[in-house]
Amino acid sequence: MMELSERYGIYHARWQVSAVIMMLPMYIATSIIGLGSVIALIPCHIIGATLFWYIDKWIFDDKS
């Protein structure tokens, strides 16, 4: 079972990685498709939630 500090460290690293990974959909939505920044956040957050659901589930699973 992971200690709380380990979980926090992994979650923090995941958060930093997700910011970099989500730059691509945000760039596509704003620069290529031409959506405004605020409107582009909606599909980008859906994409991010879908991608990182399994990682967050693993981090917060009590059996880890």
N, C-alpha and C. Protein backbone atom coordinates (compact mmCIF):
# COMPACT_ATOMS: atom_id res chain seq x y z
N MET A 1 0.84 -1.18 0.00
CA MET A 1 0.00 0.00 0.00
C MET A 1 0.89 1.24 0.00
N MET A 2 0.58 2.18 -0.89
CA MET A 2 1.39 3.39 -0.99
C MET A 2 1.09 4.34 0.17
N GLU A 3 2.12 4.97 0.66
CA GLU A 3 1.97 5.99 1.68
C GLU A 3 1.36 7.24 1.06
N LEU A 4 0.79 8.08 1.89
CA LEU A 4 0.16 9.31 1.41
C LEU A 4 1.17 10.20 0.68
N SER A 5 2.40 10.29 1.19
CA SER A 5 3.40 11.14 0.54
C SER A 5 3.78 10.60 -0.83
N GLU A 6 3.81 9.27 -0.98
CA GLU A 6 4.09 8.68 -2.29
C GLU A 6 2.96 9.00 -3.26
N ARG A 7 1.73 8.85 -2.79
CA ARG A 7 0.57 9.15 -3.65
C ARG A 7 0.59 10.60 -4.08
N TYR A 8 0.89 11.50 -3.13
CA TYR A 8 0.95 12.92 -3.48
C TYR A 8 2.03 13.17 -4.52
N GLY A 9 3.19 12.57 -4.33
CA GLY A 9 4.28 12.76 -5.30
C GLY A 9 3.91 12.27 -6.69
N ILE A 10 3.29 11.11 -6.76
CA ILE A 10 2.87 10.56 -8.05
C ILE A 10 1.78 11.44 -8.66
N TYR A 11 0.82 11.87 -7.83
CA TYR A 11 -0.26 12.72 -8.34
C TYR A 11 0.30 14.06 -8.83
N HIS A 12 1.23 14.62 -8.09
CA HIS A 12 1.83 15.89 -8.49
C HIS A 12 2.58 15.74 -9.83
N ALA A 13 3.31 14.67 -9.98
CA ALA A 13 4.02 14.41 -11.24
C ALA A 13 3.02 14.23 -12.38
N ARG A 14 1.93 13.51 -12.12
CA ARG A 14 0.91 13.31 -13.14
C ARG A 14 0.28 14.63 -13.55
N TRP A 15 0.07 15.50 -12.59
CA TRP A 15 -0.51 16.81 -12.87
C TRP A 15 0.42 17.62 -13.78
N GLN A 16 1.72 17.58 -13.52
CA GLN A 16 2.67 18.31 -14.35
C GLN A 16 2.73 17.74 -15.77
N VAL A 17 2.73 16.43 -15.87
CA VAL A 17 2.76 15.78 -17.18
C VAL A 17 1.48 16.09 -17.96
N SER A 18 0.35 16.08 -17.27
CA SER A 18 -0.92 16.33 -17.97
C SER A 18 -0.96 17.74 -18.56
N ALA A 19 -0.35 18.70 -17.90
CA ALA A 19 -0.34 20.06 -18.43
C ALA A 19 0.40 20.11 -19.77
N VAL A 20 1.49 19.39 -19.86
CA VAL A 20 2.27 19.37 -21.10
C VAL A 20 1.51 18.60 -22.19
N ILE A 21 0.93 17.46 -21.83
CA ILE A 21 0.20 16.65 -22.80
C ILE A 21 -1.03 17.38 -23.32
N MET A 22 -1.71 18.13 -22.47
CA MET A 22 -2.93 18.82 -22.89
C MET A 22 -2.66 20.06 -23.73
N MET A 23 -1.39 20.44 -23.89
CA MET A 23 -1.06 21.55 -24.78
C MET A 23 -1.44 21.23 -26.23
N LEU A 24 -1.26 19.99 -26.64
CA LEU A 24 -1.55 19.62 -28.03
C LEU A 24 -3.03 19.78 -28.37
N PRO A 25 -3.97 19.18 -27.60
CA PRO A 25 -5.37 19.40 -27.94
C PRO A 25 -5.78 20.87 -27.85
N MET A 26 -5.21 21.60 -26.90
CA MET A 26 -5.54 23.02 -26.78
C MET A 26 -5.03 23.80 -27.99
N TYR A 27 -3.84 23.46 -28.45
CA TYR A 27 -3.30 24.11 -29.64
C TYR A 27 -4.17 23.80 -30.85
N ILE A 28 -4.54 22.55 -31.01
CA ILE A 28 -5.39 22.16 -32.15
C ILE A 28 -6.73 22.89 -32.09
N ALA A 29 -7.34 22.91 -30.91
CA ALA A 29 -8.65 23.54 -30.78
C ALA A 29 -8.61 25.04 -31.04
N THR A 30 -7.55 25.72 -30.59
CA THR A 30 -7.50 27.17 -30.74
C THR A 30 -6.88 27.61 -32.06
N SER A 31 -5.76 27.02 -32.44
CA SER A 31 -5.03 27.50 -33.62
C SER A 31 -5.51 26.89 -34.93
N ILE A 32 -5.82 25.62 -34.91
CA ILE A 32 -6.20 24.95 -36.16
C ILE A 32 -7.71 25.01 -36.38
N ILE A 33 -8.48 24.67 -35.36
CA ILE A 33 -9.95 24.68 -35.49
C ILE A 33 -10.48 26.10 -35.35
N GLY A 34 -9.81 26.92 -34.55
CA GLY A 34 -10.19 28.32 -34.41
C GLY A 34 -11.18 28.62 -33.29
N LEU A 35 -11.29 27.71 -32.32
CA LEU A 35 -12.16 27.97 -31.17
C LEU A 35 -11.51 29.01 -30.26
N GLY A 36 -12.33 29.74 -29.55
CA GLY A 36 -11.80 30.65 -28.54
C GLY A 36 -11.22 29.85 -27.39
N SER A 37 -10.35 30.47 -26.64
CA SER A 37 -9.66 29.76 -25.55
C SER A 37 -10.62 29.17 -24.53
N VAL A 38 -11.62 29.93 -24.13
CA VAL A 38 -12.55 29.46 -23.11
C VAL A 38 -13.39 28.30 -23.65
N ILE A 39 -13.87 28.41 -24.87
CA ILE A 39 -14.67 27.34 -25.48
C ILE A 39 -13.80 26.10 -25.69
N ALA A 40 -12.55 26.27 -26.05
CA ALA A 40 -11.64 25.14 -26.28
C ALA A 40 -11.38 24.34 -25.01
N LEU A 41 -11.53 24.98 -23.85
CA LEU A 41 -11.31 24.27 -22.59
C LEU A 41 -12.29 23.11 -22.41
N ILE A 42 -13.51 23.25 -22.91
CA ILE A 42 -14.52 22.21 -22.71
C ILE A 42 -14.10 20.89 -23.35
N PRO A 43 -13.84 20.84 -24.67
CA PRO A 43 -13.40 19.55 -25.23
C PRO A 43 -12.04 19.10 -24.69
N CYS A 44 -11.17 20.04 -24.38
CA CYS A 44 -9.85 19.67 -23.85
C CYS A 44 -9.97 19.04 -22.46
N HIS A 45 -10.87 19.54 -21.64
CA HIS A 45 -11.06 18.93 -20.33
C HIS A 45 -11.69 17.55 -20.45
N ILE A 46 -12.57 17.37 -21.41
CA ILE A 46 -13.16 16.05 -21.64
C ILE A 46 -12.08 15.06 -22.08
N ILE A 47 -11.23 15.49 -22.98
CA ILE A 47 -10.12 14.64 -23.43
C ILE A 47 -9.19 14.31 -22.26
N GLY A 48 -8.84 15.31 -21.48
CA GLY A 48 -7.95 15.10 -20.33
C GLY A 48 -8.55 14.17 -19.30
N ALA A 49 -9.83 14.35 -19.02
CA ALA A 49 -10.50 13.48 -18.04
C ALA A 49 -10.52 12.04 -18.52
N THR A 50 -10.73 11.86 -19.81
CA THR A 50 -10.75 10.51 -20.37
C THR A 50 -9.36 9.87 -20.32
N LEU A 51 -8.34 10.63 -20.67
CA LEU A 51 -6.98 10.10 -20.68
C LEU A 51 -6.46 9.78 -19.28
N PHE A 52 -6.74 10.64 -18.33
CA PHE A 52 -6.12 10.51 -17.02
C PHE A 52 -7.00 9.82 -15.99
N TRP A 53 -8.19 9.39 -16.36
CA TRP A 53 -9.08 8.67 -15.45
C TRP A 53 -8.39 7.43 -14.86
N TYR A 54 -7.78 6.64 -15.72
CA TYR A 54 -7.18 5.38 -15.27
C TYR A 54 -5.94 5.62 -14.41
N ILE A 55 -5.19 6.65 -14.73
CA ILE A 55 -4.01 6.96 -13.92
C ILE A 55 -4.44 7.43 -12.53
N ASP A 56 -5.44 8.31 -12.47
CA ASP A 56 -5.92 8.78 -11.17
C ASP A 56 -6.54 7.63 -10.37
N LYS A 57 -7.25 6.76 -11.05
CA LYS A 57 -7.84 5.60 -10.37
C LYS A 57 -6.74 4.74 -9.75
N TRP A 58 -5.66 4.54 -10.47
CA TRP A 58 -4.53 3.76 -9.95
C TRP A 58 -3.88 4.47 -8.75
N ILE A 59 -3.72 5.79 -8.84
CA ILE A 59 -3.08 6.53 -7.76
C ILE A 59 -3.90 6.45 -6.48
N PHE A 60 -5.22 6.57 -6.60
CA PHE A 60 -6.06 6.65 -5.42
C PHE A 60 -6.67 5.31 -5.00
N ASP A 61 -6.32 4.23 -5.70
CA ASP A 61 -6.81 2.92 -5.34
C ASP A 61 -6.15 2.46 -4.04
N ASP A 62 -6.94 2.03 -3.07
CA ASP A 62 -6.40 1.61 -1.77
C ASP A 62 -5.55 0.35 -1.86
N LYS A 63 -5.72 -0.43 -2.93
CA LYS A 63 -4.96 -1.67 -3.06
C LYS A 63 -3.56 -1.44 -3.62
N SER A 64 -3.26 -0.22 -4.06
CA SER A 64 -1.95 0.06 -4.66
C SER A 64 -0.86 -0.01 -3.62
